[in-house]
Amino acid sequence: MKLYLTLCLLIIGYTGLLAQNKSKALSISVQETNQDTAKSNTKPYVVLFYNNKVYGYSSDSSTNEESSVLQRINPDWIEQINILKGEGSIKKYGAQATNGTMEITLKETVSKKKLKPLLDKFKLLIE
């Protein structure tokens, strides 16, 4: 969980840096160094809020696809990021959120056309 909290802080930090540098690139690198946690799925459930719809994404622990999905999010599209953990995460999103939840609210001004490749990786939860 510490790894993903750090990841979120990096995203927020990159957002600030990119706003200053007016650059559009986001680079995320996730590495598991603890062999015990690398064996189990320690990745949080990722939820996107966009135009009154809710999308969910749960990665397979054997792939690094979650990093790829997160890299598709342009920091300029992000309005807010929330991290849920423990019982609050499970009560809100169920068993897939056992390892916590990263809620990302996207700005409504972002066109759906730009988001399509990203949203195709997610499951529509609430329409």
C-alpha atoms as a PDB file:
ATOM      1  CA  MET A   1       0.000   0.000   0.000  1.00  0.00           C
ATOM      2  CA  LYS A   2       2.921   2.337   0.730  1.00  0.00           C
ATOM      3  CA  LEU A   3       4.061   1.847  -2.843  1.00  0.00           C
ATOM      4  CA  TYR A   4       0.756   3.090  -4.229  1.00  0.00           C
ATOM      5  CA  LEU A   5       0.523   6.006  -1.844  1.00  0.00           C
ATOM      6  CA  THR A   6       3.972   6.969  -3.076  1.00  0.00           C
ATOM      7  CA  LEU A   7       2.758   6.508  -6.651  1.00  0.00           C
ATOM      8  CA  CYS A   8      -0.163   8.860  -6.018  1.00  0.00           C
ATOM      9  CA  LEU A   9       2.128  11.459  -4.506  1.00  0.00           C
ATOM     10  CA  LEU A  10       4.367  11.151  -7.568  1.00  0.00           C
ATOM     11  CA  ILE A  11       1.387  11.722  -9.852  1.00  0.00           C
ATOM     12  CA  ILE A  12       0.381  14.793  -7.864  1.00  0.00           C
ATOM     13  CA  GLY A  13       3.999  16.015  -7.872  1.00  0.00           C
ATOM     14  CA  TYR A  14       4.312  15.462 -11.606  1.00  0.00           C
ATOM     15  CA  THR A  15       1.075  17.347 -12.135  1.00  0.00           C
ATOM     16  CA  GLY A  16       2.548  20.368 -10.373  1.00  0.00           C
ATOM     17  CA  LEU A  17       5.854  20.102 -12.212  1.00  0.00           C
ATOM     18  CA  LEU A  18       4.173  19.680 -15.561  1.00  0.00           C
ATOM     19  CA  ALA A  19       1.970  22.684 -14.965  1.00  0.00           C
ATOM     20  CA  GLN A  20       5.110  24.721 -14.313  1.00  0.00           C
ATOM     21  CA  ASN A  21       6.982  23.295 -17.317  1.00  0.00           C
ATOM     22  CA  LYS A  22       3.920  23.164 -19.591  1.00  0.00           C
ATOM     23  CA  SER A  23       4.908  19.643 -20.591  1.00  0.00           C
ATOM     24  CA  LYS A  24       2.286  16.947 -21.349  1.00  0.00           C
ATOM     25  CA  ALA A  25       4.300  13.799 -20.527  1.00  0.00           C
ATOM     26  CA  LEU A  26       3.794  11.666 -17.434  1.00  0.00           C
ATOM     27  CA  SER A  27       6.301   9.004 -16.499  1.00  0.00           C
ATOM     28  CA  ILE A  28       5.408   6.401 -13.888  1.00  0.00           C
ATOM     29  CA  SER A  29       7.671   3.578 -12.831  1.00  0.00           C
ATOM     30  CA  VAL A  30       6.482   1.033 -10.276  1.00  0.00           C
ATOM     31  CA  GLN A  31       8.884  -1.505  -8.838  1.00  0.00           C
ATOM     32  CA  GLU A  32       8.153  -4.111  -6.177  1.00  0.00           C
ATOM     33  CA  THR A  33      11.268  -4.766  -4.116  1.00  0.00           C
ATOM     34  CA  ASN A  34       9.783  -6.838  -1.297  1.00  0.00           C
ATOM     35  CA  GLN A  35       9.564 -10.452  -2.505  1.00  0.00           C
ATOM     36  CA  ASP A  36       6.690 -11.273  -0.137  1.00  0.00           C
ATOM     37  CA  THR A  37       4.483  -8.477  -1.469  1.00  0.00           C
ATOM     38  CA  ALA A  38       5.534  -9.145  -5.049  1.00  0.00           C
ATOM     39  CA  LYS A  39       3.998 -12.628  -4.790  1.00  0.00           C
ATOM     40  CA  SER A  40       0.553 -11.374  -3.791  1.00  0.00           C
ATOM     41  CA  ASN A  41      -1.707  -8.829  -5.448  1.00  0.00           C
ATOM     42  CA  THR A  42      -0.959  -5.623  -3.558  1.00  0.00           C
ATOM     43  CA  LYS A  43      -2.300  -3.345  -6.241  1.00  0.00           C
ATOM     44  CA  PRO A  44      -5.233  -1.100  -5.390  1.00  0.00           C
ATOM     45  CA  TYR A  45      -8.509  -0.941  -7.240  1.00  0.00           C
ATOM     46  CA  VAL A  46      -8.514   2.084  -9.566  1.00  0.00           C
ATOM     47  CA  VAL A  47     -11.745   4.057 -10.018  1.00  0.00           C
ATOM     48  CA  LEU A  48     -12.265   6.862 -12.529  1.00  0.00           C
ATOM     49  CA  PHE A  49     -15.024   9.446 -12.212  1.00  0.00           C
ATOM     50  CA  TYR A  50     -15.838  11.163 -15.501  1.00  0.00           C
ATOM     51  CA  ASN A  51     -18.980  13.031 -16.604  1.00  0.00           C
ATOM     52  CA  ASN A  52     -21.251  11.488 -13.941  1.00  0.00           C
ATOM     53  CA  LYS A  53     -20.051   7.970 -14.783  1.00  0.00           C
ATOM     54  CA  VAL A  54     -17.918   5.675 -12.666  1.00  0.00           C
ATOM     55  CA  TYR A  55     -15.361   3.286 -14.171  1.00  0.00           C
ATOM     56  CA  GLY A  56     -13.431   0.586 -12.298  1.00  0.00           C
ATOM     57  CA  TYR A  57     -10.146  -1.179 -13.056  1.00  0.00           C
ATOM     58  CA  SER A  58      -8.585  -4.088 -11.208  1.00  0.00           C
ATOM     59  CA  SER A  59      -5.212  -5.284 -12.479  1.00  0.00           C
ATOM     60  CA  ASP A  60      -3.850  -8.797 -12.583  1.00  0.00           C
ATOM     61  CA  SER A  61      -0.980  -9.139 -10.115  1.00  0.00           C
ATOM     62  CA  SER A  62       1.130 -11.000 -12.691  1.00  0.00           C
ATOM     63  CA  THR A  63       1.275  -8.034 -15.076  1.00  0.00           C
ATOM     64  CA  ASN A  64       2.487  -4.475 -14.894  1.00  0.00           C
ATOM     65  CA  GLU A  65      -0.561  -3.297 -16.851  1.00  0.00           C
ATOM     66  CA  GLU A  66      -1.732  -0.983 -14.065  1.00  0.00           C
ATOM     67  CA  SER A  67       1.313   1.241 -14.560  1.00  0.00           C
ATOM     68  CA  SER A  68       0.533   1.345 -18.268  1.00  0.00           C
ATOM     69  CA  VAL A  69      -3.077   2.318 -17.556  1.00  0.00           C
ATOM     70  CA  LEU A  70      -1.999   5.053 -15.153  1.00  0.00           C
ATOM     71  CA  GLN A  71       0.543   6.344 -17.672  1.00  0.00           C
ATOM     72  CA  ARG A  72      -2.304   6.949 -20.124  1.00  0.00           C
ATOM     73  CA  ILE A  73      -3.737   9.583 -17.794  1.00  0.00           C
ATOM     74  CA  ASN A  74      -2.540  13.036 -18.734  1.00  0.00           C
ATOM     75  CA  PRO A  75      -1.966  15.021 -15.501  1.00  0.00           C
ATOM     76  CA  ASP A  76      -3.851  17.947 -17.061  1.00  0.00           C
ATOM     77  CA  TRP A  77      -6.981  15.757 -17.094  1.00  0.00           C
ATOM     78  CA  ILE A  78      -6.920  15.167 -13.332  1.00  0.00           C
ATOM     79  CA  GLU A  79      -9.166  17.223 -11.099  1.00  0.00           C
ATOM     80  CA  GLN A  80      -8.696  15.226  -7.883  1.00  0.00           C
ATOM     81  CA  ILE A  81      -7.153  12.003  -6.492  1.00  0.00           C
ATOM     82  CA  ASN A  82      -8.410  10.235  -3.356  1.00  0.00           C
ATOM     83  CA  ILE A  83      -6.915   7.191  -1.655  1.00  0.00           C
ATOM     84  CA  LEU A  84      -9.128   4.828   0.324  1.00  0.00           C
ATOM     85  CA  LYS A  85      -7.787   1.971   2.409  1.00  0.00           C
ATOM     86  CA  GLY A  86      -8.997  -0.639   4.841  1.00  0.00           C
ATOM     87  CA  GLU A  87     -12.655  -1.160   5.627  1.00  0.00           C
ATOM     88  CA  GLY A  88     -13.742   2.085   3.959  1.00  0.00           C
ATOM     89  CA  SER A  89     -12.386   0.881   0.632  1.00  0.00           C
ATOM     90  CA  ILE A  90     -13.974  -2.566   0.951  1.00  0.00           C
ATOM     91  CA  LYS A  91     -17.356  -1.199   2.059  1.00  0.00           C
ATOM     92  CA  LYS A  92     -17.479   1.179  -0.882  1.00  0.00           C
ATOM     93  CA  TYR A  93     -16.152  -1.087  -3.666  1.00  0.00           C
ATOM     94  CA  GLY A  94     -16.244  -4.681  -2.399  1.00  0.00           C
ATOM     95  CA  ALA A  95     -13.660  -7.448  -2.379  1.00  0.00           C
ATOM     96  CA  GLN A  96     -11.688  -6.140  -5.374  1.00  0.00           C
ATOM     97  CA  ALA A  97     -10.760  -3.141  -3.206  1.00  0.00           C
ATOM     98  CA  THR A  98      -9.146  -5.208  -0.431  1.00  0.00           C
ATOM     99  CA  ASN A  99      -5.767  -3.587  -1.167  1.00  0.00           C
ATOM    100  CA  GLY A 100      -7.201  -0.082  -1.166  1.00  0.00           C
ATOM    101  CA  THR A 101      -8.661   2.141  -3.844  1.00  0.00           C
ATOM    102  CA  MET A 102      -7.258   4.986  -5.898  1.00  0.00           C
ATOM    103  CA  GLU A 103     -10.128   7.284  -6.941  1.00  0.00           C
ATOM    104  CA  ILE A 104      -9.256   9.623  -9.787  1.00  0.00           C
ATOM    105  CA  THR A 105     -11.707  12.357 -10.758  1.00  0.00           C
ATOM    106  CA  LEU A 106     -11.176  13.585 -14.295  1.00  0.00           C
ATOM    107  CA  LYS A 107     -12.082  17.063 -15.469  1.00  0.00           C
ATOM    108  CA  GLU A 108     -15.355  17.230 -17.377  1.00  0.00           C
ATOM    109  CA  THR A 109     -13.693  19.425 -19.998  1.00  0.00           C
ATOM    110  CA  VAL A 110     -11.628  16.493 -21.315  1.00  0.00           C
ATOM    111  CA  SER A 111     -13.152  15.098 -24.517  1.00  0.00           C
ATOM    112  CA  LYS A 112     -14.393  11.522 -24.497  1.00  0.00           C
ATOM    113  CA  LYS A 113     -12.461  10.965 -27.738  1.00  0.00           C
ATOM    114  CA  LYS A 114      -9.177  11.636 -25.914  1.00  0.00           C
ATOM    115  CA  LEU A 115     -10.204   9.330 -23.062  1.00  0.00           C
ATOM    116  CA  LYS A 116     -11.475   6.435 -25.193  1.00  0.00           C
ATOM    117  CA  PRO A 117      -8.202   4.398 -25.177  1.00  0.00           C
ATOM    118  CA  LEU A 118      -8.062   4.760 -21.394  1.00  0.00           C
ATOM    119  CA  LEU A 119     -11.759   4.090 -20.719  1.00  0.00           C
ATOM    120  CA  ASP A 120     -11.642   0.964 -22.888  1.00  0.00           C
ATOM    121  CA  LYS A 121      -9.423  -0.607 -20.200  1.00  0.00           C
ATOM    122  CA  PHE A 122     -12.017   0.109 -17.496  1.00  0.00           C
ATOM    123  CA  LYS A 123     -15.373  -1.469 -16.701  1.00  0.00           C
ATOM    124  CA  LEU A 124     -18.343   0.911 -16.520  1.00  0.00           C
ATOM    125  CA  LEU A 125     -19.704   0.606 -12.968  1.00  0.00           C
ATOM    126  CA  ILE A 126     -22.342   3.352 -12.817  1.00  0.00           C
ATOM    127  CA  GLU A 127     -23.886   5.093 -15.776  1.00  0.00           C
END
